[in-house]
PDB file of N, CA and C in Angstrom:
ATOM      1  N   UNK A   1      40.085 114.463  23.482  1.00  0.00           N
ATOM      2  CA  UNK A   1      39.934 114.626  24.938  1.00  0.00           C
ATOM      3  C   UNK A   1      39.897 116.245  25.129  1.00  0.00           C
ATOM      4  N   UNK A   2      39.068 116.663  25.918  1.00  0.00           N
ATOM      5  CA  UNK A   2      38.705 117.994  26.133  1.00  0.00           C
ATOM      6  C   UNK A   2      39.994 118.863  26.705  1.00  0.00           C
ATOM      7  N   UNK A   3      40.796 118.017  27.662  1.00  0.00           N
ATOM      8  CA  UNK A   3      41.832 118.871  28.337  1.00  0.00           C
ATOM      9  C   UNK A   3      43.103 118.834  27.442  1.00  0.00           C
ATOM     10  N   UNK A   4      43.146 118.240  26.277  1.00  0.00           N
ATOM     11  CA  UNK A   4      44.336 118.038  25.373  1.00  0.00           C
ATOM     12  C   UNK A   4      44.215 119.073  24.322  1.00  0.00           C
ATOM     13  N   UNK A   5      45.304 120.025  24.357  1.00  0.00           N
ATOM     14  CA  UNK A   5      45.151 121.183  23.514  1.00  0.00           C
ATOM     15  C   UNK A   5      46.081 120.907  22.319  1.00  0.00           C
ATOM     16  N   UNK A   6      46.522 119.779  21.879  1.00  0.00           N
ATOM     17  CA  UNK A   6      47.590 119.331  20.829  1.00  0.00           C
ATOM     18  C   UNK A   6      46.411 119.350  19.638  1.00  0.00           C
ATOM     19  N   UNK A   7      46.637 120.004  18.601  1.00  0.00           N
ATOM     20  CA  UNK A   7      45.643 119.720  17.354  1.00  0.00           C
ATOM     21  C   UNK A   7      45.781 118.284  16.645  1.00  0.00           C
ATOM     22  N   UNK A   8      46.938 117.674  17.067  1.00  0.00           N
ATOM     23  CA  UNK A   8      47.084 116.236  16.446  1.00  0.00           C
ATOM     24  C   UNK A   8      45.909 115.470  16.608  1.00  0.00           C
ATOM     25  N   UNK A   9      45.107 115.562  17.547  1.00  0.00           N
ATOM     26  CA  UNK A   9      44.011 114.669  18.024  1.00  0.00           C
ATOM     27  C   UNK A   9      42.817 115.124  17.297  1.00  0.00           C
ATOM     28  N   UNK A  10      42.794 116.418  16.803  1.00  0.00           N
ATOM     29  CA  UNK A  10      41.385 117.041  16.262  1.00  0.00           C
ATOM     30  C   UNK A  10      40.909 116.052  15.260  1.00  0.00           C
ATOM     31  N   UNK A  11      39.632 115.658  15.495  1.00  0.00           N
ATOM     32  CA  UNK A  11      38.955 114.916  14.511  1.00  0.00           C
ATOM     33  C   UNK A  11      39.373 113.521  14.302  1.00  0.00           C
ATOM     34  N   UNK A  12      40.214 112.927  15.342  1.00  0.00           N
ATOM     35  CA  UNK A  12      40.698 111.676  15.321  1.00  0.00           C
ATOM     36  C   UNK A  12      39.819 110.651  15.899  1.00  0.00           C
ATOM     37  N   UNK A  13      39.803 109.346  15.497  1.00  0.00           N
ATOM     38  CA  UNK A  13      39.259 108.144  16.048  1.00  0.00           C
ATOM     39  C   UNK A  13      40.257 107.368  16.570  1.00  0.00           C
ATOM     40  N   UNK A  14      39.906 107.335  17.961  1.00  0.00           N
ATOM     41  CA  UNK A  14      41.008 106.545  18.776  1.00  0.00           C
ATOM     42  C   UNK A  14      40.611 105.272  19.271  1.00  0.00           C
ATOM     43  N   UNK A  15      41.238 104.131  18.987  1.00  0.00           N
ATOM     44  CA  UNK A  15      41.027 102.781  19.652  1.00  0.00           C
ATOM     45  C   UNK A  15      41.591 102.862  20.940  1.00  0.00           C
ATOM     46  N   UNK A  16      41.002 103.024  22.002  1.00  0.00           N
ATOM     47  CA  UNK A  16      41.564 102.952  23.397  1.00  0.00           C
ATOM     48  C   UNK A  16      41.761 101.467  23.835  1.00  0.00           C
ATOM     49  N   UNK A  17      43.003 101.212  24.115  1.00  0.00           N
ATOM     50  CA  UNK A  17      43.289  99.963  24.548  1.00  0.00           C
ATOM     51  C   UNK A  17      43.633  99.804  25.854  1.00  0.00           C
ATOM     52  N   UNK A  18      44.120 100.744  26.682  1.00  0.00           N
ATOM     53  CA  UNK A  18      44.200 100.676  28.070  1.00  0.00           C
ATOM     54  C   UNK A  18      43.974 101.887  28.734  1.00  0.00           C
ATOM     55  N   UNK A  19      43.501 102.015  29.850  1.00  0.00           N
ATOM     56  CA  UNK A  19      43.197 103.389  30.573  1.00  0.00           C
ATOM     57  C   UNK A  19      43.275 103.086  32.115  1.00  0.00           C
ATOM     58  N   UNK A  20      44.223 103.774  32.785  1.00  0.00           N
ATOM     59  CA  UNK A  20      44.506 103.418  34.102  1.00  0.00           C
ATOM     60  C   UNK A  20      44.882 104.843  34.680  1.00  0.00           C
ATOM     61  N   UNK A  21      44.940 104.949  36.128  1.00  0.00           N
ATOM     62  CA  UNK A  21      45.357 105.996  36.499  1.00  0.00           C
ATOM     63  C   UNK A  21      46.685 106.547  36.253  1.00  0.00           C
ATOM     64  N   UNK A  22      47.528 105.454  35.642  1.00  0.00           N
ATOM     65  CA  UNK A  22      48.938 106.004  35.192  1.00  0.00           C
ATOM     66  C   UNK A  22      48.855 106.527  33.789  1.00  0.00           C
ATOM     67  N   UNK A  23      47.852 106.365  33.051  1.00  0.00           N
ATOM     68  CA  UNK A  23      47.693 107.031  31.782  1.00  0.00           C
ATOM     69  C   UNK A  23      46.821 106.067  30.937  1.00  0.00           C
ATOM     70  N   UNK A  24      47.072 106.397  29.616  1.00  0.00           N
ATOM     71  CA  UNK A  24      46.066 105.756  28.668  1.00  0.00           C
ATOM     72  C   UNK A  24      47.168 105.264  27.555  1.00  0.00           C
ATOM     73  N   UNK A  25      46.432 104.432  26.693  1.00  0.00           N
ATOM     74  CA  UNK A  25      47.169 103.818  25.499  1.00  0.00           C
ATOM     75  C   UNK A  25      46.142 103.545  24.527  1.00  0.00           C
ATOM     76  N   UNK A  26      46.181 104.091  23.189  1.00  0.00           N
ATOM     77  CA  UNK A  26      45.475 104.103  22.291  1.00  0.00           C
ATOM     78  C   UNK A  26      46.139 104.107  21.013  1.00  0.00           C
ATOM     79  N   UNK A  27      45.326 104.153  19.745  1.00  0.00           N
ATOM     80  CA  UNK A  27      45.802 104.346  18.311  1.00  0.00           C
ATOM     81  C   UNK A  27      44.808 104.942  17.481  1.00  0.00           C
ATOM     82  N   UNK A  28      45.292 106.028  16.869  1.00  0.00           N
ATOM     83  CA  UNK A  28      44.497 106.739  16.037  1.00  0.00           C
ATOM     84  C   UNK A  28      44.333 105.872  14.687  1.00  0.00           C
ATOM     85  N   UNK A  29      43.200 105.712  14.432  1.00  0.00           N
ATOM     86  CA  UNK A  29      42.803 104.681  13.492  1.00  0.00           C
ATOM     87  C   UNK A  29      42.170 105.321  12.181  1.00  0.00           C
ATOM     88  N   UNK A  30      42.151 106.494  12.167  1.00  0.00           N
ATOM     89  CA  UNK A  30      41.563 107.339  10.886  1.00  0.00           C
ATOM     90  C   UNK A  30      42.779 108.186  10.254  1.00  0.00           C
ATOM     91  N   UNK A  31      43.929 107.842  10.473  1.00  0.00           N
ATOM     92  CA  UNK A  31      45.034 108.693   9.888  1.00  0.00           C
ATOM     93  C   UNK A  31      45.991 107.644   9.176  1.00  0.00           C
ATOM     94  N   UNK A  32      45.689 107.354   7.791  1.00  0.00           N
ATOM     95  CA  UNK A  32      46.555 106.653   6.909  1.00  0.00           C
ATOM     96  C   UNK A  32      48.085 107.425   6.622  1.00  0.00           C
ATOM     97  N   UNK A  33      48.954 106.362   6.502  1.00  0.00           N
ATOM     98  CA  UNK A  33      50.255 106.851   5.973  1.00  0.00           C
ATOM     99  C   UNK A  33      50.354 106.606   4.624  1.00  0.00           C
ATOM    100  N   UNK A  34      51.521 106.983   4.124  1.00  0.00           N
ATOM    101  CA  UNK A  34      51.644 106.588   2.577  1.00  0.00           C
ATOM    102  C   UNK A  34      52.443 105.122   2.381  1.00  0.00           C
ATOM    103  N   UNK A  35      52.615 104.522   3.560  1.00  0.00           N
ATOM    104  CA  UNK A  35      53.267 103.164   3.384  1.00  0.00           C
ATOM    105  C   UNK A  35      52.227 101.973   3.515  1.00  0.00           C
ATOM    106  N   UNK A  36      52.286 101.104   2.565  1.00  0.00           N
ATOM    107  CA  UNK A  36      51.557  99.966   2.690  1.00  0.00           C
ATOM    108  C   UNK A  36      52.080  98.753   3.519  1.00  0.00           C
ATOM    109  N   UNK A  37      51.335  97.668   3.841  1.00  0.00           N
ATOM    110  CA  UNK A  37      51.780  96.553   4.293  1.00  0.00           C
ATOM    111  C   UNK A  37      53.051  96.062   3.589  1.00  0.00           C
ATOM    112  N   UNK A  38      52.923  95.859   2.313  1.00  0.00           N
ATOM    113  CA  UNK A  38      54.018  95.363   1.463  1.00  0.00           C
ATOM    114  C   UNK A  38      55.223  96.133   1.540  1.00  0.00           C
ATOM    115  N   UNK A  39      55.101  97.595   1.715  1.00  0.00           N
ATOM    116  CA  UNK A  39      56.410  98.239   1.933  1.00  0.00           C
ATOM    117  C   UNK A  39      57.025  98.091   3.182  1.00  0.00           C
ATOM    118  N   UNK A  40      56.187  97.840   4.238  1.00  0.00           N
ATOM    119  CA  UNK A  40      56.887  97.548   5.643  1.00  0.00           C
ATOM    120  C   UNK A  40      57.436  96.171   5.638  1.00  0.00           C
ATOM    121  N   UNK A  41      56.815  95.245   5.084  1.00  0.00           N
ATOM    122  CA  UNK A  41      57.508  93.967   4.971  1.00  0.00           C
ATOM    123  C   UNK A  41      58.666  93.762   4.203  1.00  0.00           C
ATOM    124  N   UNK A  42      58.924  94.717   3.085  1.00  0.00           N
ATOM    125  CA  UNK A  42      59.931  94.659   2.210  1.00  0.00           C
ATOM    126  C   UNK A  42      61.002  95.345   3.025  1.00  0.00           C
ATOM    127  N   UNK A  43      60.774  96.350   3.914  1.00  0.00           N
ATOM    128  CA  UNK A  43      61.684  97.245   4.653  1.00  0.00           C
ATOM    129  C   UNK A  43      62.263  96.263   5.708  1.00  0.00           C
ATOM    130  N   UNK A  44      61.525  95.463   6.155  1.00  0.00           N
ATOM    131  CA  UNK A  44      61.811  94.466   7.216  1.00  0.00           C
ATOM    132  C   UNK A  44      62.758  93.227   6.684  1.00  0.00           C
ATOM    133  N   UNK A  45      62.750  93.126   5.317  1.00  0.00           N
ATOM    134  CA  UNK A  45      63.455  91.940   4.788  1.00  0.00           C
ATOM    135  C   UNK A  45      62.460  90.713   4.579  1.00  0.00           C
ATOM    136  N   UNK A  46      61.114  90.891   5.008  1.00  0.00           N
ATOM    137  CA  UNK A  46      60.300  89.783   4.900  1.00  0.00           C
ATOM    138  C   UNK A  46      59.706  89.345   3.491  1.00  0.00           C
ATOM    139  N   UNK A  47      59.364  88.364   3.248  1.00  0.00           N
ATOM    140  CA  UNK A  47      58.743  88.003   2.038  1.00  0.00           C
ATOM    141  C   UNK A  47      57.383  88.668   2.007  1.00  0.00           C
ATOM    142  N   UNK A  48      56.913  89.413   0.594  1.00  0.00           N
ATOM    143  CA  UNK A  48      55.863  89.945   0.679  1.00  0.00           C
ATOM    144  C   UNK A  48      55.206  89.386  -0.823  1.00  0.00           C
ATOM    145  N   UNK A  49      54.014  89.316  -0.927  1.00  0.00           N
ATOM    146  CA  UNK A  49      53.444  88.888  -2.251  1.00  0.00           C
ATOM    147  C   UNK A  49      53.011  90.001  -2.903  1.00  0.00           C
ATOM    148  N   UNK A  50      52.993  90.931  -2.557  1.00  0.00           N
ATOM    149  CA  UNK A  50      52.481  92.169  -3.576  1.00  0.00           C
ATOM    150  C   UNK A  50      51.148  92.462  -3.404  1.00  0.00           C
ATOM    151  N   UNK A  51      50.481  91.648  -2.571  1.00  0.00           N
ATOM    152  CA  UNK A  51      48.915  91.836  -2.587  1.00  0.00           C
ATOM    153  C   UNK A  51      48.503  92.524  -1.519  1.00  0.00           C
ATOM    154  N   UNK A  52      49.316  92.962  -0.574  1.00  0.00           N
ATOM    155  CA  UNK A  52      49.006  93.806   0.618  1.00  0.00           C
ATOM    156  C   UNK A  52      49.033  95.179   0.607  1.00  0.00           C
ATOM    157  N   UNK A  53      48.239  95.803  -0.315  1.00  0.00           N
ATOM    158  CA  UNK A  53      48.171  97.302  -0.716  1.00  0.00           C
ATOM    159  C   UNK A  53      47.472  98.038   0.436  1.00  0.00           C
ATOM    160  N   UNK A  54      47.073  97.489   1.651  1.00  0.00           N
ATOM    161  CA  UNK A  54      46.470  98.167   2.524  1.00  0.00           C
ATOM    162  C   UNK A  54      47.365  99.300   3.220  1.00  0.00           C
ATOM    163  N   UNK A  55      47.061 100.302   3.428  1.00  0.00           N
ATOM    164  CA  UNK A  55      47.940 101.594   3.959  1.00  0.00           C
ATOM    165  C   UNK A  55      48.007 101.146   5.451  1.00  0.00           C
ATOM    166  N   UNK A  56      49.183 101.593   6.017  1.00  0.00           N
ATOM    167  CA  UNK A  56      49.427 101.551   7.397  1.00  0.00           C
ATOM    168  C   UNK A  56      48.946 102.804   8.065  1.00  0.00           C
ATOM    169  N   UNK A  57      48.358 102.678   9.175  1.00  0.00           N
ATOM    170  CA  UNK A  57      47.969 103.910   9.897  1.00  0.00           C
ATOM    171  C   UNK A  57      48.995 104.470  10.684  1.00  0.00           C
ATOM    172  N   UNK A  58      48.832 105.789  10.841  1.00  0.00           N
ATOM    173  CA  UNK A  58      49.749 106.420  11.635  1.00  0.00           C
ATOM    174  C   UNK A  58      49.119 106.370  13.126  1.00  0.00           C
ATOM    175  N   UNK A  59      49.541 105.573  13.908  1.00  0.00           N
ATOM    176  CA  UNK A  59      48.814 105.296  15.312  1.00  0.00           C
ATOM    177  C   UNK A  59      48.694 106.434  16.220  1.00  0.00           C
ATOM    178  N   UNK A  60      49.798 107.369  16.004  1.00  0.00           N
ATOM    179  CA  UNK A  60      49.846 108.605  16.974  1.00  0.00           C
ATOM    180  C   UNK A  60      51.244 109.205  17.065  1.00  0.00           C
ATOM    181  N   UNK A  61      51.240 110.282  17.957  1.00  0.00           N
ATOM    182  CA  UNK A  61      52.683 111.007  17.903  1.00  0.00           C
ATOM    183  C   UNK A  61      53.484 110.572  19.031  1.00  0.00           C
ATOM    184  N   UNK A  62      52.994 109.536  19.700  1.00  0.00           N
ATOM    185  CA  UNK A  62      53.990 108.862  20.697  1.00  0.00           C
ATOM    186  C   UNK A  62      54.745 107.661  20.214  1.00  0.00           C
ATOM    187  N   UNK A  63      55.987 107.652  20.342  1.00  0.00           N
ATOM    188  CA  UNK A  63      56.884 106.435  19.922  1.00  0.00           C
ATOM    189  C   UNK A  63      56.319 105.960  18.423  1.00  0.00           C
ATOM    190  N   UNK A  64      56.623 106.926  17.417  1.00  0.00           N
ATOM    191  CA  UNK A  64      56.357 106.604  16.082  1.00  0.00           C
ATOM    192  C   UNK A  64      57.144 105.480  15.568  1.00  0.00           C
ATOM    193  N   UNK A  65      58.262 105.230  16.032  1.00  0.00           N
ATOM    194  CA  UNK A  65      59.180 104.210  15.564  1.00  0.00           C
ATOM    195  C   UNK A  65      58.658 102.728  15.875  1.00  0.00           C
ATOM    196  N   UNK A  66      57.704 102.492  16.607  1.00  0.00           N
ATOM    197  CA  UNK A  66      57.039 101.331  16.873  1.00  0.00           C
ATOM    198  C   UNK A  66      55.860 100.855  16.039  1.00  0.00           C
ATOM    199  N   UNK A  67      55.789  99.660  15.794  1.00  0.00           N
ATOM    200  CA  UNK A  67      54.759  99.092  14.839  1.00  0.00           C
ATOM    201  C   UNK A  67      53.783  98.119  15.728  1.00  0.00           C
ATOM    202  N   UNK A  68      52.482  98.410  15.729  1.00  0.00           N
ATOM    203  CA  UNK A  68      51.661  97.518  16.506  1.00  0.00           C
ATOM    204  C   UNK A  68      50.696  96.990  15.225  1.00  0.00           C
ATOM    205  N   UNK A  69      50.277  95.707  15.620  1.00  0.00           N
ATOM    206  CA  UNK A  69      49.400  95.139  14.510  1.00  0.00           C
ATOM    207  C   UNK A  69      48.138  95.098  15.422  1.00  0.00           C
ATOM    208  N   UNK A  70      46.938  95.642  14.826  1.00  0.00           N
ATOM    209  CA  UNK A  70      45.626  95.340  15.430  1.00  0.00           C
ATOM    210  C   UNK A  70      44.856  94.474  14.471  1.00  0.00           C
ATOM    211  N   UNK A  71      44.190  93.388  14.936  1.00  0.00           N
ATOM    212  CA  UNK A  71      43.607  92.472  14.039  1.00  0.00           C
ATOM    213  C   UNK A  71      42.307  92.021  14.824  1.00  0.00           C
ATOM    214  N   UNK A  72      41.456  91.205  14.332  1.00  0.00           N
ATOM    215  CA  UNK A  72      40.380  90.337  14.682  1.00  0.00           C
ATOM    216  C   UNK A  72      40.862  89.390  15.647  1.00  0.00           C
ATOM    217  N   UNK A  73      39.854  88.892  16.515  1.00  0.00           N
ATOM    218  CA  UNK A  73      40.273  87.889  17.509  1.00  0.00           C
ATOM    219  C   UNK A  73      40.478  86.545  16.777  1.00  0.00           C
ATOM    220  N   UNK A  74      39.912  86.243  15.634  1.00  0.00           N
ATOM    221  CA  UNK A  74      40.021  85.019  14.889  1.00  0.00           C
ATOM    222  C   UNK A  74      41.252  85.146  13.911  1.00  0.00           C
ATOM    223  N   UNK A  75      42.187  86.093  13.982  1.00  0.00           N
ATOM    224  CA  UNK A  75      43.164  86.053  13.048  1.00  0.00           C
ATOM    225  C   UNK A  75      44.217  84.747  13.542  1.00  0.00           C
ATOM    226  N   UNK A  76      44.655  84.196  12.301  1.00  0.00           N
ATOM    227  CA  UNK A  76      45.665  83.286  12.440  1.00  0.00           C
ATOM    228  C   UNK A  76      46.809  83.456  11.844  1.00  0.00           C
TER     229      UNK A  76
END
């Protein structure tokens, strides 16, 4: 965003989910963390099969304690 002076968003690819006069919501989708899906499931005490080696992305600097799942429309 041209008016944003925070270097966090330099070279970021942002999936924009909502944009209104009140603000915007989106996720940075090109900043991987060191945590995998299996790591997250284990931390939550959920069963994991050890096959989810995909890295979790750092969605952005706002509310980093939240976890969002972005998936295709045909996900079941």
